[in-house]
Each structure stands twice: as structure tokens, then as C-alpha cells.
C-alpha atoms as a PDB file:
ATOM      1  CA  UNK A   1      -0.117  -0.160   0.320  1.00  0.00           C
ATOM      2  CA  UNK A   2       1.245   3.107  -1.140  1.00  0.00           C
ATOM      3  CA  UNK A   3       1.997   6.299   1.469  1.00  0.00           C
ATOM      4  CA  UNK A   4       2.555   9.836   1.938  1.00  0.00           C
ATOM      5  CA  UNK A   5       3.973  11.168  -1.282  1.00  0.00           C
ATOM      6  CA  UNK A   6       3.795   8.157  -3.737  1.00  0.00           C
ATOM      7  CA  UNK A   7      -0.250   8.102  -2.629  1.00  0.00           C
ATOM      8  CA  UNK A   8      -0.448  11.742  -4.163  1.00  0.00           C
ATOM      9  CA  UNK A   9       1.510  11.204  -7.162  1.00  0.00           C
ATOM     10  CA  UNK A  10      -0.868   8.558  -7.180  1.00  0.00           C
ATOM     11  CA  UNK A  11      -4.317   9.525  -6.972  1.00  0.00           C
ATOM     12  CA  UNK A  12      -3.069  12.294  -8.863  1.00  0.00           C
ATOM     13  CA  UNK A  13      -2.561  10.084 -11.930  1.00  0.00           C
ATOM     14  CA  UNK A  14      -5.785   8.335 -12.112  1.00  0.00           C
ATOM     15  CA  UNK A  15      -8.626   9.779 -13.695  1.00  0.00           C
ATOM     16  CA  UNK A  16     -11.246  11.044 -12.059  1.00  0.00           C
ATOM     17  CA  UNK A  17     -14.660   9.654 -12.526  1.00  0.00           C
ATOM     18  CA  UNK A  18     -17.378  10.631 -13.919  1.00  0.00           C
ATOM     19  CA  UNK A  19     -20.446  12.197 -12.171  1.00  0.00           C
ATOM     20  CA  UNK A  20     -22.701  12.513 -14.689  1.00  0.00           C
ATOM     21  CA  UNK A  21     -24.442   9.496 -14.180  1.00  0.00           C
ATOM     22  CA  UNK A  22     -26.989   9.403 -11.671  1.00  0.00           C
ATOM     23  CA  UNK A  23     -29.653   5.624 -12.238  1.00  0.00           C
ATOM     24  CA  UNK A  24     -32.571   6.899 -10.433  1.00  0.00           C
ATOM     25  CA  UNK A  25     -32.962   9.866 -13.155  1.00  0.00           C
ATOM     26  CA  UNK A  26     -32.389   7.302 -16.018  1.00  0.00           C
ATOM     27  CA  UNK A  27     -34.911   4.393 -13.974  1.00  0.00           C
ATOM     28  CA  UNK A  28     -38.099   7.645 -14.020  1.00  0.00           C
ATOM     29  CA  UNK A  29     -37.647   8.160 -17.362  1.00  0.00           C
ATOM     30  CA  UNK A  30     -37.656   4.434 -18.154  1.00  0.00           C
ATOM     31  CA  UNK A  31     -41.347   5.017 -16.590  1.00  0.00           C
ATOM     32  CA  UNK A  32     -43.793   6.246 -19.481  1.00  0.00           C
ATOM     33  CA  UNK A  33     -46.763   4.353 -18.958  1.00  0.00           C
ATOM     34  CA  UNK A  34     -48.987   5.493 -16.127  1.00  0.00           C
ATOM     35  CA  UNK A  35     -52.052   3.433 -14.282  1.00  0.00           C
ATOM     36  CA  UNK A  36     -55.545   6.014 -15.106  1.00  0.00           C
ATOM     37  CA  UNK A  37     -56.120   4.959 -11.275  1.00  0.00           C
ATOM     38  CA  UNK A  38     -53.456   3.785  -8.959  1.00  0.00           C
ATOM     39  CA  UNK A  39     -51.076   6.110 -10.845  1.00  0.00           C
ATOM     40  CA  UNK A  40     -48.628   2.965 -11.052  1.00  0.00           C
ATOM     41  CA  UNK A  41     -45.447   4.065 -12.603  1.00  0.00           C
ATOM     42  CA  UNK A  42     -44.675   0.812 -15.710  1.00  0.00           C
ATOM     43  CA  UNK A  43     -41.662   0.748 -19.042  1.00  0.00           C
ATOM     44  CA  UNK A  44     -44.226  -0.527 -21.153  1.00  0.00           C
ATOM     45  CA  UNK A  45     -47.214  -1.313 -23.183  1.00  0.00           C
ATOM     46  CA  UNK A  46     -47.773  -5.155 -22.382  1.00  0.00           C
ATOM     47  CA  UNK A  47     -46.926  -3.908 -18.141  1.00  0.00           C
ATOM     48  CA  UNK A  48     -49.111  -1.891 -18.103  1.00  0.00           C
ATOM     49  CA  UNK A  49     -51.860  -3.986 -19.592  1.00  0.00           C
ATOM     50  CA  UNK A  50     -50.798  -6.756 -17.104  1.00  0.00           C
ATOM     51  CA  UNK A  51     -51.867  -4.656 -14.261  1.00  0.00           C
ATOM     52  CA  UNK A  52     -54.358  -3.484 -15.390  1.00  0.00           C
ATOM     53  CA  UNK A  53     -56.363  -6.208 -15.739  1.00  0.00           C
ATOM     54  CA  UNK A  54     -54.684  -8.215 -12.272  1.00  0.00           C
ATOM     55  CA  UNK A  55     -55.377  -4.653 -10.269  1.00  0.00           C
ATOM     56  CA  UNK A  56     -58.473  -2.869 -11.417  1.00  0.00           C
ATOM     57  CA  UNK A  57     -60.489  -6.513 -13.529  1.00  0.00           C
ATOM     58  CA  UNK A  58     -63.456  -3.959 -12.549  1.00  0.00           C
ATOM     59  CA  UNK A  59     -62.507  -1.018 -15.025  1.00  0.00           C
ATOM     60  CA  UNK A  60     -62.719  -0.676 -18.437  1.00  0.00           C
ATOM     61  CA  UNK A  61     -59.422  -0.816 -19.845  1.00  0.00           C
ATOM     62  CA  UNK A  62     -58.163   1.949 -21.433  1.00  0.00           C
ATOM     63  CA  UNK A  63     -58.845   2.276 -24.867  1.00  0.00           C
ATOM     64  CA  UNK A  64     -54.913   2.837 -25.776  1.00  0.00           C
ATOM     65  CA  UNK A  65     -54.352  -0.836 -24.144  1.00  0.00           C
ATOM     66  CA  UNK A  66     -56.849  -1.726 -26.434  1.00  0.00           C
ATOM     67  CA  UNK A  67     -54.864  -3.373 -28.866  1.00  0.00           C
ATOM     68  CA  UNK A  68     -52.448  -3.677 -26.991  1.00  0.00           C
ATOM     69  CA  UNK A  69     -51.056  -7.591 -26.658  1.00  0.00           C
ATOM     70  CA  UNK A  70     -50.706  -8.950 -23.610  1.00  0.00           C
END
């Protein structure tokens, strides 16, 4: 393990880590479908239709899900 001056030199040689990637923001951007009944967000229409059929069976299916194959 480097100590003292050797440690400082090795830290200066290493490139700085990028601070630009945010996993929470990327995950939130992927959730584009929102359930009209319970406001749950889903990533794709297939998952949205499965959710709607299982969680809200008595509620009529929204028109955007009518042609989606589950």
C-alpha cells in the first residue's frame, strides 16, 4: 500500500470519476406509462395491460391498451 508522497502521486495519475450518470433519473425516465386508477408507473404497454387486468378487473380498459397483446 502506498503511503505519503507515493500515494499523492498515484492519486494524481488516476483520472477523475465522471459524475454525470444518475441511475435514479434514468430509471424514472424509463417509466412512461401511468395507470389512470392508482397512478403506478410502468415501462411498457404490455406490463401496463397486465397490471390493469390484474389490479383493476372491474374498471374498463383504457383505449390505449385495447390493441396491446399481453
